[in-house]
C-alpha atoms as a PDB file:
ATOM      1  CA  MET A   1      -3.171  15.050  -4.007  1.00  0.00           C
ATOM      2  CA  ASN A   2      -5.605  13.647  -6.550  1.00  0.00           C
ATOM      3  CA  GLU A   3      -9.172  13.312  -5.306  1.00  0.00           C
ATOM      4  CA  SER A   4      -9.671   9.918  -6.971  1.00  0.00           C
ATOM      5  CA  LEU A   5      -7.080   8.308  -4.689  1.00  0.00           C
ATOM      6  CA  ILE A   6      -8.479   6.323  -1.791  1.00  0.00           C
ATOM      7  CA  VAL A   7      -7.678   8.149   1.451  1.00  0.00           C
ATOM      8  CA  CYS A   8      -7.451   5.760   4.394  1.00  0.00           C
ATOM      9  CA  PRO A   9      -8.388   6.552   8.008  1.00  0.00           C
ATOM     10  CA  GLU A  10      -5.823   8.624   9.874  1.00  0.00           C
ATOM     11  CA  GLN A  11      -3.391   6.852  12.205  1.00  0.00           C
ATOM     12  CA  ARG A  12      -0.902   8.126  14.793  1.00  0.00           C
ATOM     13  CA  VAL A  13       2.652   7.014  15.522  1.00  0.00           C
ATOM     14  CA  GLU A  14       2.340   4.931  18.676  1.00  0.00           C
ATOM     15  CA  PRO A  15       4.910   4.787  21.524  1.00  0.00           C
ATOM     16  CA  ALA A  16       5.761   1.137  20.732  1.00  0.00           C
ATOM     17  CA  TRP A  17       6.686   2.167  17.189  1.00  0.00           C
ATOM     18  CA  ILE A  18       9.571   4.412  18.300  1.00  0.00           C
ATOM     19  CA  ASP A  19      13.074   2.940  18.149  1.00  0.00           C
ATOM     20  CA  TYR A  20      16.325   3.910  19.878  1.00  0.00           C
ATOM     21  CA  ASN A  21      16.913   6.570  17.207  1.00  0.00           C
ATOM     22  CA  GLY A  22      13.870   8.423  18.508  1.00  0.00           C
ATOM     23  CA  HIS A  23      11.789   7.998  15.346  1.00  0.00           C
ATOM     24  CA  MET A  24       9.349   5.492  13.870  1.00  0.00           C
ATOM     25  CA  ASN A  25      11.037   2.129  13.347  1.00  0.00           C
ATOM     26  CA  MET A  26      11.035   0.816   9.786  1.00  0.00           C
ATOM     27  CA  ALA A  27       8.898  -2.224  10.665  1.00  0.00           C
ATOM     28  CA  TYR A  28       6.024  -0.022  11.770  1.00  0.00           C
ATOM     29  CA  TYR A  29       5.845   1.775   8.438  1.00  0.00           C
ATOM     30  CA  ASN A  30       4.837  -1.623   7.042  1.00  0.00           C
ATOM     31  CA  LEU A  31       2.282  -2.017   9.831  1.00  0.00           C
ATOM     32  CA  ALA A  32       0.763   1.397   9.110  1.00  0.00           C
ATOM     33  CA  PHE A  33       0.647   0.631   5.370  1.00  0.00           C
ATOM     34  CA  ASP A  34      -0.977  -2.738   6.150  1.00  0.00           C
ATOM     35  CA  ARG A  35      -3.626  -1.137   8.375  1.00  0.00           C
ATOM     36  CA  ALA A  36      -4.432   1.289   5.559  1.00  0.00           C
ATOM     37  CA  LEU A  37      -4.615  -1.608   3.119  1.00  0.00           C
ATOM     38  CA  ASP A  38      -7.151  -3.336   5.392  1.00  0.00           C
ATOM     39  CA  HIS A  39      -9.402  -0.300   4.840  1.00  0.00           C
ATOM     40  CA  VAL A  40      -8.955  -0.499   1.053  1.00  0.00           C
ATOM     41  CA  TYR A  41      -9.650  -4.232   1.003  1.00  0.00           C
ATOM     42  CA  ASP A  42     -12.833  -3.632   3.019  1.00  0.00           C
ATOM     43  CA  GLU A  43     -13.883  -1.006   0.442  1.00  0.00           C
ATOM     44  CA  LEU A  44     -13.230  -3.470  -2.387  1.00  0.00           C
ATOM     45  CA  GLY A  45     -15.161  -6.267  -0.670  1.00  0.00           C
ATOM     46  CA  ILE A  46     -12.107  -8.455  -0.014  1.00  0.00           C
ATOM     47  CA  GLY A  47     -11.416  -7.420   3.578  1.00  0.00           C
ATOM     48  CA  GLU A  48     -11.874  -9.114   6.913  1.00  0.00           C
ATOM     49  CA  ALA A  49     -15.534 -10.105   6.430  1.00  0.00           C
ATOM     50  CA  TYR A  50     -14.694 -11.686   3.060  1.00  0.00           C
ATOM     51  CA  VAL A  51     -11.854 -13.671   4.631  1.00  0.00           C
ATOM     52  CA  ARG A  52     -14.008 -14.773   7.591  1.00  0.00           C
ATOM     53  CA  ARG A  53     -16.621 -16.120   5.153  1.00  0.00           C
ATOM     54  CA  GLY A  54     -13.845 -18.296   3.697  1.00  0.00           C
ATOM     55  CA  GLU A  55     -14.203 -16.815   0.231  1.00  0.00           C
ATOM     56  CA  GLY A  56     -10.545 -15.964  -0.203  1.00  0.00           C
ATOM     57  CA  THR A  57      -7.890 -13.507   0.809  1.00  0.00           C
ATOM     58  CA  CYS A  58      -4.979 -11.538  -0.587  1.00  0.00           C
ATOM     59  CA  PHE A  59      -1.376 -12.376   0.223  1.00  0.00           C
ATOM     60  CA  THR A  60       1.421  -9.885  -0.332  1.00  0.00           C
ATOM     61  CA  ALA A  61       3.831 -11.323  -2.892  1.00  0.00           C
ATOM     62  CA  GLU A  62       6.290  -8.433  -3.070  1.00  0.00           C
ATOM     63  CA  ILE A  63       6.753  -5.079  -1.406  1.00  0.00           C
ATOM     64  CA  HIS A  64       9.150  -2.172  -1.875  1.00  0.00           C
ATOM     65  CA  VAL A  65       9.164   0.574   0.757  1.00  0.00           C
ATOM     66  CA  ASN A  66      10.897   3.925   0.401  1.00  0.00           C
ATOM     67  CA  TYR A  67      11.571   5.765   3.664  1.00  0.00           C
ATOM     68  CA  LEU A  68      11.704   9.427   2.691  1.00  0.00           C
ATOM     69  CA  GLN A  69      11.338  11.473   5.874  1.00  0.00           C
ATOM     70  CA  GLU A  70      11.198  10.441   9.501  1.00  0.00           C
ATOM     71  CA  LEU A  71       8.099  10.355  11.649  1.00  0.00           C
ATOM     72  CA  LEU A  72       8.073  10.951  15.399  1.00  0.00           C
ATOM     73  CA  LEU A  73       5.971   9.932  18.380  1.00  0.00           C
ATOM     74  CA  ASP A  74       2.289  10.850  18.030  1.00  0.00           C
ATOM     75  CA  ASP A  75       2.698  12.223  14.495  1.00  0.00           C
ATOM     76  CA  PRO A  76      -0.567  11.891  12.557  1.00  0.00           C
ATOM     77  CA  LEU A  77      -0.366   9.750   9.401  1.00  0.00           C
ATOM     78  CA  LYS A  78      -2.464   9.822   6.260  1.00  0.00           C
ATOM     79  CA  VAL A  79      -2.102   7.010   3.711  1.00  0.00           C
ATOM     80  CA  THR A  80      -3.431   7.135   0.153  1.00  0.00           C
ATOM     81  CA  PHE A  81      -3.941   4.167  -2.161  1.00  0.00           C
ATOM     82  CA  GLN A  82      -3.491   4.084  -5.941  1.00  0.00           C
ATOM     83  CA  LEU A  83      -4.262   1.025  -8.040  1.00  0.00           C
ATOM     84  CA  LEU A  84      -1.539   0.743 -10.690  1.00  0.00           C
ATOM     85  CA  ASP A  85      -2.688  -2.449 -12.409  1.00  0.00           C
ATOM     86  CA  TRP A  86      -4.651  -5.627 -11.833  1.00  0.00           C
ATOM     87  CA  ASP A  87      -5.672  -8.860 -13.493  1.00  0.00           C
ATOM     88  CA  GLY A  88      -7.942 -11.726 -12.499  1.00  0.00           C
ATOM     89  CA  LYS A  89      -5.684 -12.836  -9.632  1.00  0.00           C
ATOM     90  CA  ARG A  90      -3.273  -9.991  -8.844  1.00  0.00           C
ATOM     91  CA  LEU A  91      -3.171  -6.393  -7.679  1.00  0.00           C
ATOM     92  CA  HIS A  92      -0.303  -3.974  -8.236  1.00  0.00           C
ATOM     93  CA  PHE A  93      -0.736  -0.878  -6.107  1.00  0.00           C
ATOM     94  CA  PHE A  94       1.007   2.044  -4.502  1.00  0.00           C
ATOM     95  CA  GLU A  95       0.503   3.616  -1.097  1.00  0.00           C
ATOM     96  CA  SER A  96       1.826   7.018  -0.037  1.00  0.00           C
ATOM     97  CA  MET A  97       2.211   7.932   3.638  1.00  0.00           C
ATOM     98  CA  TYR A  98       2.026  11.602   4.579  1.00  0.00           C
ATOM     99  CA  HIS A  99       2.422  13.485   7.804  1.00  0.00           C
ATOM    100  CA  ALA A 100      -1.255  14.405   8.109  1.00  0.00           C
ATOM    101  CA  THR A 101      -0.766  17.981   9.349  1.00  0.00           C
ATOM    102  CA  ALA A 102       2.643  19.013   7.962  1.00  0.00           C
ATOM    103  CA  GLY A 103       1.775  17.411   4.615  1.00  0.00           C
ATOM    104  CA  TYR A 104       5.191  15.980   3.737  1.00  0.00           C
ATOM    105  CA  LEU A 105       5.594  12.599   2.062  1.00  0.00           C
ATOM    106  CA  ALA A 106       7.175  10.324   4.678  1.00  0.00           C
ATOM    107  CA  ALA A 107       7.203   6.953   2.903  1.00  0.00           C
ATOM    108  CA  THR A 108       5.857   4.988  -0.043  1.00  0.00           C
ATOM    109  CA  SER A 109       4.999   1.338  -0.503  1.00  0.00           C
ATOM    110  CA  GLU A 110       4.670  -0.400  -3.853  1.00  0.00           C
ATOM    111  CA  GLN A 111       3.094  -3.837  -3.587  1.00  0.00           C
ATOM    112  CA  LEU A 112       2.034  -6.845  -5.575  1.00  0.00           C
ATOM    113  CA  ALA A 113      -0.727  -8.908  -3.968  1.00  0.00           C
ATOM    114  CA  LEU A 114      -2.106 -12.276  -5.000  1.00  0.00           C
ATOM    115  CA  HIS A 115      -5.709 -13.420  -4.481  1.00  0.00           C
ATOM    116  CA  VAL A 116      -5.767 -16.844  -2.799  1.00  0.00           C
ATOM    117  CA  ASP A 117      -8.493 -19.471  -2.366  1.00  0.00           C
ATOM    118  CA  LEU A 118      -8.398 -20.305   1.347  1.00  0.00           C
ATOM    119  CA  THR A 119      -9.467 -23.935   0.830  1.00  0.00           C
ATOM    120  CA  THR A 120      -6.627 -24.759  -1.583  1.00  0.00           C
ATOM    121  CA  ARG A 121      -4.131 -22.073  -0.435  1.00  0.00           C
ATOM    122  CA  ARG A 122      -3.437 -21.469  -4.134  1.00  0.00           C
ATOM    123  CA  SER A 123      -3.969 -18.438  -6.343  1.00  0.00           C
ATOM    124  CA  ALA A 124      -7.499 -18.027  -7.645  1.00  0.00           C
ATOM    125  CA  ALA A 125      -9.535 -15.517  -9.611  1.00  0.00           C
ATOM    126  CA  PHE A 126     -11.270 -12.676  -7.813  1.00  0.00           C
ATOM    127  CA  PRO A 127     -15.062 -13.028  -7.715  1.00  0.00           C
ATOM    128  CA  GLU A 128     -16.864 -11.216 -10.542  1.00  0.00           C
ATOM    129  CA  ALA A 129     -18.241  -8.506  -8.233  1.00  0.00           C
ATOM    130  CA  VAL A 130     -14.712  -7.723  -7.038  1.00  0.00           C
ATOM    131  CA  GLN A 131     -13.414  -7.657 -10.603  1.00  0.00           C
ATOM    132  CA  THR A 132     -16.146  -5.145 -11.457  1.00  0.00           C
ATOM    133  CA  ARG A 133     -15.063  -2.898  -8.555  1.00  0.00           C
ATOM    134  CA  LEU A 134     -11.405  -3.251  -9.544  1.00  0.00           C
ATOM    135  CA  GLY A 135     -12.238  -2.343 -13.132  1.00  0.00           C
ATOM    136  CA  ALA A 136     -14.069   0.783 -12.000  1.00  0.00           C
ATOM    137  CA  LEU A 137     -11.187   1.769  -9.706  1.00  0.00           C
ATOM    138  CA  MET A 138      -8.668   1.184 -12.506  1.00  0.00           C
ATOM    139  CA  THR A 139     -10.722   3.490 -14.726  1.00  0.00           C
ATOM    140  CA  LEU A 140     -10.348   6.204 -12.058  1.00  0.00           C
ATOM    141  CA  HIS A 141      -6.668   5.560 -11.377  1.00  0.00           C
ATOM    142  CA  GLY A 142      -5.510   4.580 -14.859  1.00  0.00           C
ATOM    143  CA  SER A 143      -4.951   8.152 -15.992  1.00  0.00           C
ATOM    144  CA  LEU A 144      -3.134   9.257 -12.831  1.00  0.00           C
ATOM    145  CA  GLU A 145       0.545  10.037 -12.972  1.00  0.00           C
ATOM    146  CA  ARG A 146       2.676   7.135 -11.783  1.00  0.00           C
ATOM    147  CA  PRO A 147       4.574   8.058  -8.620  1.00  0.00           C
ATOM    148  CA  ALA A 148       8.324   8.512  -9.084  1.00  0.00           C
ATOM    149  CA  GLN A 149       9.105   5.601  -6.748  1.00  0.00           C
ATOM    150  CA  VAL A 150       7.185   3.010  -8.824  1.00  0.00           C
ATOM    151  CA  GLY A 151       9.491   0.332 -10.188  1.00  0.00           C
ATOM    152  CA  ARG A 152      12.625   1.672  -8.550  1.00  0.00           C
ATOM    153  CA  VAL A 153      15.593  -0.648  -8.495  1.00  0.00           C
ATOM    154  CA  MET A 154      17.664  -0.920  -5.353  1.00  0.00           C
ATOM    155  CA  GLY A 155      21.401  -0.427  -5.587  1.00  0.00           C
ATOM    156  CA  ILE A 156      24.288   1.935  -5.072  1.00  0.00           C
ATOM    157  CA  ARG A 157      24.449   4.503  -7.836  1.00  0.00           C
ATOM    158  CA  ARG A 158      28.024   5.090  -8.945  1.00  0.00           C
ATOM    159  CA  ARG A 159      29.432   7.747 -11.214  1.00  0.00           C
ATOM    160  CA  ALA A 160      31.196   6.728 -14.372  1.00  0.00           C
ATOM    161  CA  PRO A 161      35.011   6.715 -13.879  1.00  0.00           C
ATOM    162  CA  ASN A 162      35.597   9.747 -16.153  1.00  0.00           C
ATOM    163  CA  GLN A 163      33.050  12.068 -14.550  1.00  0.00           C
END
């Protein structure tokens, strides 16, 4: 794992997150990714305190989750954050969820978020201080390898008829 990635606080698979298959339900992967994202937003200065001051917020515009390996009750989770791209109003980022002790990649989440002015409920530019932090983070993450799951298209892969 690259040291320039943001490592979010560890979480554990909670009893309520377990479905009738005996593993973590797909909805709770999104919850765990969202909790990790709250940490990142706090680090960037656009987290809960920023929202409570009425300065703005970020809304998720699109998300693509890949479920790679199951997680079980009480498994420890570690989520990393990689900024893939950004502009004045949008963030494109990638989160990777690992089993914190076994080390395997359990899931990934690619997201596009939009900065919103809470008074107009419309997209708006990030404040300059936030843009400065995003620029610095992009400098760190810009040279990182893009994860294999970035930009994946969903569909059933079929072989050509003559293969």
